[in-house]
Amino acid sequence: MRTRSSAIQRCLCGLIASTVLVLISAQTTAAYAAGDAPGVVVRYGDHDLASDAGAQRLLRRIEVAAHEVCFDQDLEPLPMQQAAQRCYLAAVARAVDAVKAPRVRAAYVAKYRPYVSG
C-alpha cells in the first residue's frame, strides 16, 4: 500500500510541476508576443552604415543585444525556447527597421531571408 501511495504522490508532484511550467511558458509567450520584453540600446555612431562592413558589424551588434534580451536564461521547455526565438527575430527586425539604413536592411534580408516578410 505504501508503494502505491508514493507512486500517486510522485504522479501528483509531476502533474503540478508540469502545470506550473505550462503556465510560466504561456505567460512568457504572451509577454514576448505582446512586445513586453525589456529593451537594450544599441549605439552605432561608430559604424559607417554606408559600407557593407559597417552594416555587418551593426547587424551583429543588434543580434547580440537581441540575444541578451530574449535568451536571458536557459530555457528548457520547448514553448519557452520557441517564444524566445520569436522574441529574438522580432527584436532584430524592429532594430533593423529603426536604423533605416539600406545596407543594414540588405544584410538582414540576406541572413534572415526565411523569416523576412514583405
Protein backbone atom coordinates (compact mmCIF):
# COMPACT_ATOMS: atom_id res chain seq x y z
CA MET A 1 0.00 0.00 0.00
CA ARG A 2 2.85 2.35 0.82
CA THR A 3 4.29 1.91 -2.69
CA ARG A 4 1.00 2.84 -4.32
CA SER A 5 0.70 5.94 -2.11
CA SER A 6 4.26 7.00 -3.03
CA ALA A 7 3.54 6.48 -6.73
CA ILE A 8 0.41 8.63 -6.50
CA GLN A 9 2.33 11.37 -4.68
CA ARG A 10 5.09 11.33 -7.33
CA CYS A 11 2.48 11.49 -10.06
CA LEU A 12 0.73 14.45 -8.41
CA CYS A 13 4.05 16.27 -7.94
CA GLY A 14 4.90 15.69 -11.60
CA LEU A 15 1.47 16.94 -12.64
CA ILE A 16 1.81 20.06 -10.52
CA ALA A 17 5.31 20.77 -11.87
CA SER A 18 4.09 20.29 -15.46
CA THR A 19 1.17 22.65 -14.86
CA VAL A 20 3.49 25.31 -13.43
CA LEU A 21 5.82 25.02 -16.44
CA VAL A 22 2.90 25.34 -18.85
CA LEU A 23 1.65 28.44 -17.03
CA ILE A 24 5.11 30.01 -16.99
CA SER A 25 5.66 29.30 -20.68
CA ALA A 26 2.20 30.67 -21.53
CA GLN A 27 2.99 33.88 -19.65
CA THR A 28 6.40 34.14 -21.32
CA THR A 29 4.89 33.52 -24.75
CA ALA A 30 2.23 36.18 -24.14
CA ALA A 31 4.83 38.68 -22.92
CA TYR A 32 7.09 38.12 -25.94
CA ALA A 33 4.14 38.25 -28.31
CA ALA A 34 2.91 41.49 -26.77
CA GLY A 35 6.33 43.07 -27.12
CA ASP A 36 6.77 43.41 -23.36
CA ALA A 37 10.34 42.15 -23.45
CA PRO A 38 12.89 44.52 -21.95
CA GLY A 39 14.91 46.63 -24.35
CA VAL A 40 18.57 47.40 -24.88
CA VAL A 41 20.02 50.49 -26.53
CA VAL A 42 22.45 49.65 -29.33
CA ARG A 43 24.75 52.53 -30.17
CA TYR A 44 26.07 52.66 -33.71
CA GLY A 45 27.56 56.09 -34.21
CA ASP A 46 30.97 54.46 -34.62
CA HIS A 47 29.84 52.42 -37.67
CA ASP A 48 29.95 53.53 -41.27
CA LEU A 49 26.49 52.35 -42.33
CA ALA A 50 27.24 53.21 -45.95
CA SER A 51 29.75 50.34 -46.08
CA ASP A 52 28.97 46.63 -46.12
CA ALA A 53 31.45 46.01 -43.30
CA GLY A 54 29.85 48.67 -41.10
CA ALA A 55 26.38 47.30 -41.84
CA GLN A 56 27.51 43.76 -40.94
CA ARG A 57 29.07 44.96 -37.67
CA LEU A 58 25.89 46.78 -36.69
CA LEU A 59 23.71 43.78 -37.56
CA ARG A 60 25.94 41.61 -35.35
CA ARG A 61 25.68 44.14 -32.50
CA ILE A 62 21.88 44.11 -32.88
CA GLU A 63 21.87 40.30 -32.81
CA VAL A 64 23.95 40.21 -29.63
CA ALA A 65 21.62 42.69 -27.92
CA ALA A 66 18.52 40.74 -29.01
CA HIS A 67 20.07 37.54 -27.68
CA GLU A 68 20.82 39.19 -24.33
CA VAL A 69 17.22 40.38 -24.03
CA CYS A 70 15.38 37.32 -25.29
CA PHE A 71 17.57 34.45 -24.15
CA ASP A 72 18.32 35.73 -20.66
CA GLN A 73 18.30 32.25 -19.10
CA ASP A 74 18.50 28.58 -20.02
CA LEU A 75 15.08 27.78 -21.39
CA GLU A 76 14.27 24.11 -21.02
CA PRO A 77 10.62 23.72 -22.04
CA LEU A 78 10.18 23.85 -25.80
CA PRO A 79 7.40 26.51 -25.72
CA MET A 80 9.75 28.86 -23.85
CA GLN A 81 12.53 28.25 -26.39
CA GLN A 82 10.09 28.96 -29.22
CA ALA A 83 8.87 32.15 -27.53
CA ALA A 84 12.45 33.31 -27.02
CA GLN A 85 13.22 32.62 -30.69
CA ARG A 86 10.18 34.68 -31.75
CA CYS A 87 11.29 37.46 -29.41
CA TYR A 88 14.80 37.39 -30.90
CA LEU A 89 13.61 37.51 -34.51
CA ALA A 90 11.13 40.31 -33.76
CA ALA A 91 13.73 42.33 -31.85
CA VAL A 92 16.28 42.07 -34.67
CA ALA A 93 13.64 43.04 -37.25
CA ARG A 94 12.45 46.05 -35.22
CA ALA A 95 16.01 47.27 -34.66
CA VAL A 96 16.92 46.95 -38.33
CA ASP A 97 13.77 48.86 -39.29
CA ALA A 98 14.54 51.57 -36.73
CA VAL A 99 18.04 52.16 -38.12
CA LYS A 100 16.66 52.91 -41.60
CA ALA A 101 19.96 52.10 -43.31
CA PRO A 102 19.67 50.32 -46.68
CA ARG A 103 22.87 48.30 -46.28
CA VAL A 104 21.89 47.10 -42.81
CA ARG A 105 18.49 46.12 -44.20
CA ALA A 106 20.18 44.27 -47.09
CA ALA A 107 22.48 42.39 -44.70
CA TYR A 108 19.47 41.49 -42.55
CA VAL A 109 17.41 40.25 -45.52
CA ALA A 110 20.35 38.19 -46.81
CA LYS A 111 20.82 36.50 -43.46
CA TYR A 112 17.21 36.13 -42.32
CA ARG A 113 15.51 35.57 -45.69
CA PRO A 114 13.22 32.74 -44.44
CA TYR A 115 11.93 34.96 -41.62
CA VAL A 116 11.53 38.22 -43.54
CA SER A 117 8.01 39.09 -44.63
CA GLY A 118 7.44 41.56 -47.41
